[in-house]
Amino acid sequence: MSDATLHDATQDPDDFAVQIADQVESFLVAVTEVAKGDEPDSAVPFLLLEVSQLLLAGGRLGAHEDIVPDERYEPDTGPDADVDELRENLARLLDPIDVYSEVFDPYEPRKAPVPARISDDLTDVITDLRHGMAHYRAGRTTEALWWWQFSYFSNWGSTASATLRALQSVVAHVRLNQPLEELDGLDTDQTPMGDETLEFEAGKVMAEEIGGPLGMQAGK
C-alpha cells in the first residue's frame, strides 16, 4: 500500500478504521508541513486545530471497546523513522513558547509541575501514530487500531492533551490581549519547580508574531 493511497477503493468511508486512519494521516501530514516553517505566523493556531482534531480520534478510540489484535505477538514494523529533524524544526519554529509547565497526572497526589516541550510532545505523538500507520498500510487494520488505542491510553493521549492546553493558552493570551511575559530560564533539563514557576509565561514576541493572523492589532 503506497503512502499516497491509504485505503482500498472498496473500503467503506464510514468504516471506523478508515475514519481513524484518515484523522491520523491528516495530523501526520499537517504537522510535517507546519514544521517546514513556510508560514510561521499561523503555526500556533494551526497546530491548535490539528491537535484538537487528533484528540477527537483519540476520544473515539478511548470510548471504543477494547480492540484485540489478530496475532498474539505484534508483527515487526521495522525501525521507526527518525524524527530528530522534525523535532528541531518545530523547536525553532515555536521558540520562545516551546517550553511550558505540565502536571502529568491530575489524580496523583499533588506534585510540582515539570517543564515540557511542545516540539518534543508533537514528535512523540507522531512516533506513536506512525507506528500504527505502518501496520495499517501493511493491511493489518486490527493491529493498527489496537496500537493506536493502546498508545492513546499509555502515551499519546495525555501527551497531546498537554500540548493542546499549552497551545490553547498561547492563543487565548493573544486573542484576549494579554501579552505574555519573558520566558525566565525555564527549561526541560531543570529539576521540578515550585508554585512560583507556574507564573512563567512565554514571551511577548510570540504574541506579536501570531497576533496579526489572529486578528489583533499591534500595540493593543
Protein backbone atom coordinates (compact mmCIF):
# COMPACT_ATOMS: atom_id res chain seq x y z
CA MET A 1 0.00 0.00 0.00
CA SER A 2 1.56 3.31 -1.05
CA ASP A 3 1.86 6.41 1.10
CA ALA A 4 -0.39 8.28 -1.30
CA THR A 5 -3.25 5.79 -1.07
CA LEU A 6 -4.34 4.80 2.40
CA HIS A 7 -7.42 2.79 1.54
CA ASP A 8 -8.57 0.18 -0.88
CA ALA A 9 -11.23 1.61 -3.20
CA THR A 10 -13.71 -0.96 -1.92
CA GLN A 11 -13.43 0.15 1.71
CA ASP A 12 -16.43 1.91 3.23
CA PRO A 13 -15.52 5.53 4.02
CA ASP A 14 -17.87 5.32 7.02
CA ASP A 15 -15.90 2.41 8.45
CA PHE A 16 -14.41 3.17 11.89
CA ALA A 17 -10.90 2.10 10.90
CA VAL A 18 -10.95 4.21 7.75
CA GLN A 19 -12.07 7.29 9.66
CA ILE A 20 -9.43 6.90 12.36
CA ALA A 21 -6.70 6.30 9.79
CA ASP A 22 -7.81 9.41 7.87
CA GLN A 23 -7.60 11.54 11.01
CA VAL A 24 -4.20 10.12 11.91
CA GLU A 25 -2.82 10.66 8.42
CA SER A 26 -4.20 14.20 8.32
CA PHE A 27 -2.37 15.02 11.54
CA LEU A 28 0.90 13.48 10.35
CA VAL A 29 0.82 15.40 7.08
CA ALA A 30 -0.26 18.68 8.65
CA VAL A 31 2.38 18.79 11.41
CA THR A 32 5.10 17.84 8.93
CA GLU A 33 4.02 20.74 6.71
CA VAL A 34 3.92 23.18 9.65
CA ALA A 35 7.44 22.13 10.68
CA LYS A 36 8.78 23.27 7.30
CA GLY A 37 8.30 26.82 8.58
CA ASP A 38 6.78 28.26 5.41
CA GLU A 39 4.01 30.03 7.37
CA PRO A 40 5.42 30.74 10.83
CA ASP A 41 2.79 33.35 11.72
CA SER A 42 -0.02 30.78 11.57
CA ALA A 43 1.88 27.84 13.09
CA VAL A 44 0.44 28.02 16.61
CA PRO A 45 -3.26 28.37 15.71
CA PHE A 46 -2.88 25.73 13.01
CA LEU A 47 -1.27 23.28 15.44
CA LEU A 48 -4.06 24.02 17.92
CA LEU A 49 -6.59 22.98 15.29
CA GLU A 50 -4.71 19.84 14.27
CA VAL A 51 -4.14 18.60 17.83
CA SER A 52 -7.81 19.26 18.65
CA GLN A 53 -8.91 17.18 15.67
CA LEU A 54 -6.50 14.38 16.54
CA LEU A 55 -7.87 14.21 20.07
CA LEU A 56 -11.33 13.64 18.61
CA ALA A 57 -9.95 10.46 17.05
CA GLY A 58 -8.36 9.62 20.39
CA GLY A 59 -11.65 10.11 22.19
CA ARG A 60 -13.35 7.75 19.75
CA LEU A 61 -10.63 5.16 20.33
CA GLY A 62 -10.92 5.64 24.09
CA ALA A 63 -14.68 5.18 24.06
CA HIS A 64 -14.49 2.11 21.83
CA GLU A 65 -14.48 -1.36 23.34
CA ASP A 66 -11.06 -2.94 23.78
CA ILE A 67 -9.60 -3.81 20.40
CA VAL A 68 -7.94 -7.24 20.33
CA PRO A 69 -5.18 -7.77 17.74
CA ASP A 70 -5.37 -10.70 15.35
CA GLU A 71 -1.98 -12.05 16.36
CA ARG A 72 -0.62 -12.79 19.81
CA TYR A 73 2.67 -11.02 19.10
CA GLU A 74 2.91 -7.71 17.31
CA PRO A 75 4.37 -8.07 13.81
CA ASP A 76 7.61 -6.20 13.24
CA THR A 77 7.11 -2.86 11.50
CA GLY A 78 10.82 -2.20 11.06
CA PRO A 79 12.76 0.69 12.59
CA ASP A 80 10.85 3.82 13.47
CA ALA A 81 11.54 6.78 11.23
CA ASP A 82 13.97 9.36 12.60
CA VAL A 83 12.16 12.40 13.98
CA ASP A 84 15.16 14.47 15.11
CA GLU A 85 15.00 16.88 12.18
CA LEU A 86 11.25 17.32 12.65
CA ARG A 87 11.74 17.98 16.37
CA GLU A 88 14.49 20.53 15.74
CA ASN A 89 12.43 22.34 13.11
CA LEU A 90 9.43 22.55 15.43
CA ALA A 91 11.62 23.78 18.30
CA ARG A 92 13.00 26.61 16.15
CA LEU A 93 9.55 27.48 14.85
CA LEU A 94 7.93 27.55 18.30
CA ASP A 95 10.68 29.39 20.16
CA PRO A 96 10.13 31.05 22.64
CA ILE A 97 6.85 29.32 23.60
CA ASP A 98 8.16 25.79 23.11
CA VAL A 99 8.73 25.14 26.84
CA TYR A 100 5.70 25.04 29.14
CA SER A 101 4.69 23.67 32.57
CA GLU A 102 2.82 20.39 32.84
CA VAL A 103 1.28 18.20 35.55
CA PHE A 104 1.41 14.61 34.33
CA ASP A 105 -1.49 13.06 36.25
CA PRO A 106 -4.19 15.24 37.82
CA TYR A 107 -5.31 12.33 40.03
CA GLU A 108 -1.93 11.64 41.62
CA PRO A 109 -1.08 13.34 44.94
CA ARG A 110 -0.23 16.95 44.26
CA LYS A 111 3.13 17.34 42.58
CA ALA A 112 5.03 20.35 41.34
CA PRO A 113 4.66 20.97 37.60
CA VAL A 114 7.57 19.99 35.41
CA PRO A 115 8.78 21.65 32.21
CA ALA A 116 7.93 20.06 28.87
CA ARG A 117 8.41 21.00 25.24
CA ILE A 118 5.71 21.23 22.60
CA SER A 119 8.24 20.14 19.97
CA ASP A 120 9.13 17.02 21.97
CA ASP A 121 5.47 16.25 22.59
CA LEU A 122 4.44 16.55 18.96
CA THR A 123 7.23 14.30 17.73
CA ASP A 124 6.46 11.80 20.50
CA VAL A 125 2.84 11.67 19.34
CA ILE A 126 3.91 11.37 15.71
CA THR A 127 6.17 8.42 16.53
CA ASP A 128 3.25 6.54 18.09
CA LEU A 129 0.91 7.37 15.23
CA ARG A 130 3.41 6.40 12.54
CA HIS A 131 3.94 3.03 14.21
CA GLY A 132 0.23 2.27 13.91
CA MET A 133 0.14 3.64 10.38
CA ALA A 134 2.85 1.16 9.37
CA HIS A 135 0.51 -1.65 10.41
CA TYR A 136 -2.42 -0.03 8.61
CA ARG A 137 -0.53 0.42 5.35
CA ALA A 138 0.58 -3.21 5.55
CA GLY A 139 -3.06 -4.27 5.66
CA ARG A 140 -3.06 -5.12 9.39
CA THR A 141 -6.08 -2.95 10.22
CA THR A 142 -6.95 -4.54 13.56
CA GLU A 143 -3.32 -4.36 14.67
CA ALA A 144 -3.22 -0.66 13.74
CA LEU A 145 -6.38 0.09 15.69
CA TRP A 146 -5.11 -1.89 18.67
CA TRP A 147 -1.84 0.03 18.65
CA TRP A 148 -3.49 3.44 18.30
CA GLN A 149 -5.92 2.63 21.11
CA PHE A 150 -3.24 1.18 23.42
CA SER A 151 -0.79 4.03 22.83
CA TYR A 152 -3.61 6.57 23.24
CA PHE A 153 -4.14 5.31 26.78
CA SER A 154 -0.46 4.79 27.57
CA ASN A 155 1.19 7.82 25.95
CA TRP A 156 -0.03 9.92 23.08
CA GLY A 157 -3.44 10.78 24.52
CA SER A 158 -2.05 12.51 27.61
CA THR A 159 0.84 13.99 25.64
CA ALA A 160 -1.44 15.50 23.01
CA SER A 161 -3.82 16.76 25.71
CA ALA A 162 -0.97 18.58 27.46
CA THR A 163 0.16 20.07 24.17
CA LEU A 164 -3.37 21.23 23.43
CA ARG A 165 -3.56 23.08 26.76
CA ALA A 166 -0.26 24.83 26.05
CA LEU A 167 -1.24 25.86 22.52
CA GLN A 168 -4.70 26.97 23.65
CA SER A 169 -3.14 29.10 26.38
CA VAL A 170 -0.89 30.91 23.91
CA VAL A 171 -3.75 31.59 21.50
CA ALA A 172 -6.02 32.70 24.36
CA HIS A 173 -3.41 35.19 25.63
CA VAL A 174 -3.16 36.68 22.15
CA ARG A 175 -6.89 36.84 21.48
CA LEU A 176 -7.60 38.33 24.91
CA ASN A 177 -4.84 40.91 24.50
CA GLN A 178 -2.91 39.57 27.48
CA PRO A 179 0.76 39.71 26.46
CA LEU A 180 2.97 37.04 27.94
CA GLU A 181 5.98 37.97 30.00
CA GLU A 182 9.51 37.00 29.03
CA LEU A 183 10.48 33.37 29.50
CA ASP A 184 12.69 33.32 32.61
CA GLY A 185 15.11 30.41 32.35
CA LEU A 186 12.62 27.52 32.39
CA ASP A 187 13.97 24.51 30.54
CA THR A 188 13.40 20.77 30.38
CA ASP A 189 16.77 19.86 31.86
CA GLN A 190 15.92 21.50 35.17
CA THR A 191 14.56 19.79 38.25
CA PRO A 192 10.82 20.11 39.07
CA MET A 193 9.91 23.57 40.31
CA GLY A 194 7.56 25.01 42.89
CA ASP A 195 4.49 27.17 42.64
CA GLU A 196 6.44 30.27 41.66
CA THR A 197 7.30 28.56 38.37
CA LEU A 198 3.63 28.50 37.45
CA GLU A 199 3.96 32.23 36.85
CA PHE A 200 6.38 31.67 33.94
CA GLU A 201 4.94 32.81 30.64
CA ALA A 202 6.33 32.52 27.22
CA GLY A 203 7.36 35.83 25.63
CA LYS A 204 5.80 38.99 24.23
CA VAL A 205 7.49 38.24 20.93
CA MET A 206 5.16 35.29 20.26
CA ALA A 207 2.10 37.44 20.88
CA GLU A 208 3.45 39.90 18.34
CA GLU A 209 4.26 37.18 15.81
CA ILE A 210 0.89 35.45 15.84
CA GLY A 211 -1.23 38.44 16.77
CA GLY A 212 -1.68 39.56 13.20
CA PRO A 213 -3.03 36.27 11.82
CA LEU A 214 -5.37 36.04 14.82
CA GLY A 215 -6.89 39.47 14.18
CA MET A 216 -5.08 41.52 16.84
CA GLN A 217 -3.69 44.97 16.21
CA ALA A 218 -0.18 45.82 17.30
CA GLY A 219 0.11 47.97 20.36
CA LYS A 220 -3.21 46.94 21.92
